[in-house]
Amino acid sequence: MGKDLGKELDSWLVGGTPDHRAGILTKFVNDDYLLAIGRVITQWSLMETLIDGCIWKVAHLRNDHGRIFSAQVQVQTKLDILGALLSQWTSWPNNSGQSQTSSEII
């Protein structure tokens, strides 16, 4: 690492503005990697949202109430919760009174 970059990194670790701290990442990681990281983060977020929605639907929770229960919960725990809820039922009645499997509901 160059001497100037080392000083800049030291100043970033000690202080600096948020814009400065965000900009320093581009000196270490190229745009292709940053784009890939952004895609992974976006897809992970969408996956968590889908898991949350499945839990709320199976537990018959309104979205606003469901958010209370699933906020700050790790994905593995959410999957365990969803699995436990689904294992309680072999079929679910739909609006027309016919049975549906849990995979059909979700």
C-alpha atoms as a PDB file:
ATOM      1  CA  MET A   1       0.000   0.000   0.000  1.00  0.00           C
ATOM      2  CA  GLY A   2       1.387   3.395  -0.945  1.00  0.00           C
ATOM      3  CA  LYS A   3       2.300   5.943   1.693  1.00  0.00           C
ATOM      4  CA  ASP A   4      -0.453   8.382   0.639  1.00  0.00           C
ATOM      5  CA  LEU A   5      -3.072   5.639   0.541  1.00  0.00           C
ATOM      6  CA  GLY A   6      -1.970   4.468   3.987  1.00  0.00           C
ATOM      7  CA  LYS A   7      -2.447   7.985   5.369  1.00  0.00           C
ATOM      8  CA  GLU A   8      -5.848   8.216   3.716  1.00  0.00           C
ATOM      9  CA  LEU A   9      -6.867   4.870   5.175  1.00  0.00           C
ATOM     10  CA  ASP A  10      -5.692   5.966   8.622  1.00  0.00           C
ATOM     11  CA  SER A  11      -7.769   9.141   8.388  1.00  0.00           C
ATOM     12  CA  TRP A  12     -10.767   7.103   7.226  1.00  0.00           C
ATOM     13  CA  LEU A  13     -10.500   4.757  10.192  1.00  0.00           C
ATOM     14  CA  VAL A  14     -10.111   7.596  12.668  1.00  0.00           C
ATOM     15  CA  GLY A  15     -12.718   9.949  11.260  1.00  0.00           C
ATOM     16  CA  GLY A  16     -13.670  11.574   8.027  1.00  0.00           C
ATOM     17  CA  THR A  17     -17.048  12.237   6.519  1.00  0.00           C
ATOM     18  CA  PRO A  18     -19.411   9.429   5.499  1.00  0.00           C
ATOM     19  CA  ASP A  19     -18.909  10.391   1.825  1.00  0.00           C
ATOM     20  CA  HIS A  20     -15.165  10.113   2.260  1.00  0.00           C
ATOM     21  CA  ARG A  21     -15.509   6.722   3.948  1.00  0.00           C
ATOM     22  CA  ALA A  22     -17.776   5.424   1.170  1.00  0.00           C
ATOM     23  CA  GLY A  23     -15.402   6.694  -1.497  1.00  0.00           C
ATOM     24  CA  ILE A  24     -12.356   4.963  -0.017  1.00  0.00           C
ATOM     25  CA  LEU A  25     -13.889   1.567  -0.867  1.00  0.00           C
ATOM     26  CA  THR A  26     -13.578   2.320  -4.580  1.00  0.00           C
ATOM     27  CA  LYS A  27      -9.801   2.572  -4.155  1.00  0.00           C
ATOM     28  CA  PHE A  28      -9.624  -1.042  -2.995  1.00  0.00           C
ATOM     29  CA  VAL A  29     -12.433  -2.684  -4.979  1.00  0.00           C
ATOM     30  CA  ASN A  30     -13.187  -2.195  -8.668  1.00  0.00           C
ATOM     31  CA  ASP A  31     -16.639  -1.370 -10.043  1.00  0.00           C
ATOM     32  CA  ASP A  32     -17.363  -4.925 -11.230  1.00  0.00           C
ATOM     33  CA  TYR A  33     -16.995  -6.256  -7.694  1.00  0.00           C
ATOM     34  CA  LEU A  34     -19.011  -3.408  -6.219  1.00  0.00           C
ATOM     35  CA  LEU A  35     -21.822  -4.122  -8.692  1.00  0.00           C
ATOM     36  CA  ALA A  36     -21.743  -7.841  -7.850  1.00  0.00           C
ATOM     37  CA  ILE A  37     -21.795  -7.070  -4.109  1.00  0.00           C
ATOM     38  CA  GLY A  38     -24.798  -4.797  -4.650  1.00  0.00           C
ATOM     39  CA  ARG A  39     -26.625  -7.518  -6.559  1.00  0.00           C
ATOM     40  CA  VAL A  40     -26.008 -10.073  -3.807  1.00  0.00           C
ATOM     41  CA  ILE A  41     -27.250  -7.655  -1.149  1.00  0.00           C
ATOM     42  CA  THR A  42     -30.361  -6.841  -3.186  1.00  0.00           C
ATOM     43  CA  GLN A  43     -31.198 -10.493  -3.854  1.00  0.00           C
ATOM     44  CA  TRP A  44     -30.646 -11.396  -0.192  1.00  0.00           C
ATOM     45  CA  SER A  45     -33.003  -8.627   0.869  1.00  0.00           C
ATOM     46  CA  LEU A  46     -35.683  -9.820  -1.565  1.00  0.00           C
ATOM     47  CA  MET A  47     -35.302 -13.389  -0.316  1.00  0.00           C
ATOM     48  CA  GLU A  48     -35.739 -12.275   3.305  1.00  0.00           C
ATOM     49  CA  THR A  49     -38.827 -10.280   2.357  1.00  0.00           C
ATOM     50  CA  LEU A  50     -40.353 -13.327   0.675  1.00  0.00           C
ATOM     51  CA  ILE A  51     -39.617 -15.497   3.719  1.00  0.00           C
ATOM     52  CA  ASP A  52     -41.200 -12.868   5.969  1.00  0.00           C
ATOM     53  CA  GLY A  53     -44.299 -12.754   3.775  1.00  0.00           C
ATOM     54  CA  CYS A  54     -44.615 -16.544   3.841  1.00  0.00           C
ATOM     55  CA  ILE A  55     -44.401 -16.587   7.637  1.00  0.00           C
ATOM     56  CA  TRP A  56     -47.032 -13.877   7.965  1.00  0.00           C
ATOM     57  CA  LYS A  57     -49.402 -15.605   5.553  1.00  0.00           C
ATOM     58  CA  VAL A  58     -49.074 -19.027   7.153  1.00  0.00           C
ATOM     59  CA  ALA A  59     -49.414 -17.534  10.656  1.00  0.00           C
ATOM     60  CA  HIS A  60     -52.425 -15.460   9.526  1.00  0.00           C
ATOM     61  CA  LEU A  61     -50.735 -12.202  10.526  1.00  0.00           C
ATOM     62  CA  ARG A  62     -51.360  -8.826   8.952  1.00  0.00           C
ATOM     63  CA  ASN A  63     -48.196  -7.366   7.428  1.00  0.00           C
ATOM     64  CA  ASP A  64     -47.904  -4.640  10.065  1.00  0.00           C
ATOM     65  CA  HIS A  65     -48.212  -7.205  12.861  1.00  0.00           C
ATOM     66  CA  GLY A  66     -45.895  -9.655  11.114  1.00  0.00           C
ATOM     67  CA  ARG A  67     -43.134  -7.058  10.880  1.00  0.00           C
ATOM     68  CA  ILE A  68     -43.165  -6.786  14.662  1.00  0.00           C
ATOM     69  CA  PHE A  69     -42.370 -10.481  14.983  1.00  0.00           C
ATOM     70  CA  SER A  70     -39.825 -10.822  12.199  1.00  0.00           C
ATOM     71  CA  ALA A  71     -37.803  -7.633  12.641  1.00  0.00           C
ATOM     72  CA  GLN A  72     -34.166  -8.237  13.601  1.00  0.00           C
ATOM     73  CA  VAL A  73     -34.530 -12.025  13.290  1.00  0.00           C
ATOM     74  CA  GLN A  74     -31.778 -13.947  11.482  1.00  0.00           C
ATOM     75  CA  VAL A  75     -32.653 -15.793   8.263  1.00  0.00           C
ATOM     76  CA  GLN A  76     -31.958 -19.233   9.729  1.00  0.00           C
ATOM     77  CA  THR A  77     -34.412 -18.527  12.543  1.00  0.00           C
ATOM     78  CA  LYS A  78     -37.002 -17.278  10.044  1.00  0.00           C
ATOM     79  CA  LEU A  79     -36.621 -20.494   8.061  1.00  0.00           C
ATOM     80  CA  ASP A  80     -36.977 -22.524  11.268  1.00  0.00           C
ATOM     81  CA  ILE A  81     -40.155 -20.596  12.123  1.00  0.00           C
ATOM     82  CA  LEU A  82     -41.584 -21.124   8.649  1.00  0.00           C
ATOM     83  CA  GLY A  83     -40.727 -24.823   8.759  1.00  0.00           C
ATOM     84  CA  ALA A  84     -42.338 -25.223  12.160  1.00  0.00           C
ATOM     85  CA  LEU A  85     -45.504 -23.466  11.023  1.00  0.00           C
ATOM     86  CA  LEU A  86     -45.749 -25.539   7.859  1.00  0.00           C
ATOM     87  CA  SER A  87     -45.109 -28.801   9.692  1.00  0.00           C
ATOM     88  CA  GLN A  88     -48.200 -28.211  11.822  1.00  0.00           C
ATOM     89  CA  TRP A  89     -50.544 -28.598   8.867  1.00  0.00           C
ATOM     90  CA  THR A  90     -50.839 -31.100   6.066  1.00  0.00           C
ATOM     91  CA  SER A  91     -53.493 -29.105   4.220  1.00  0.00           C
ATOM     92  CA  TRP A  92     -55.048 -25.672   4.482  1.00  0.00           C
ATOM     93  CA  PRO A  93     -58.567 -24.598   3.538  1.00  0.00           C
ATOM     94  CA  ASN A  94     -58.725 -21.974   0.828  1.00  0.00           C
ATOM     95  CA  ASN A  95     -61.421 -19.350   0.363  1.00  0.00           C
ATOM     96  CA  SER A  96     -63.657 -21.767  -1.534  1.00  0.00           C
ATOM     97  CA  GLY A  97     -63.476 -24.404   1.215  1.00  0.00           C
ATOM     98  CA  GLN A  98     -61.209 -26.752  -0.731  1.00  0.00           C
ATOM     99  CA  SER A  99     -57.942 -27.991   0.753  1.00  0.00           C
ATOM    100  CA  GLN A 100     -54.573 -26.810  -0.456  1.00  0.00           C
ATOM    101  CA  THR A 101     -51.134 -28.123   0.397  1.00  0.00           C
ATOM    102  CA  SER A 102     -48.767 -25.718   2.100  1.00  0.00           C
ATOM    103  CA  SER A 103     -46.608 -25.518  -1.053  1.00  0.00           C
ATOM    104  CA  GLU A 104     -49.671 -24.372  -3.026  1.00  0.00           C
ATOM    105  CA  ILE A 105     -50.321 -21.595  -0.531  1.00  0.00           C
ATOM    106  CA  ILE A 106     -46.834 -20.194  -0.641  1.00  0.00           C
END
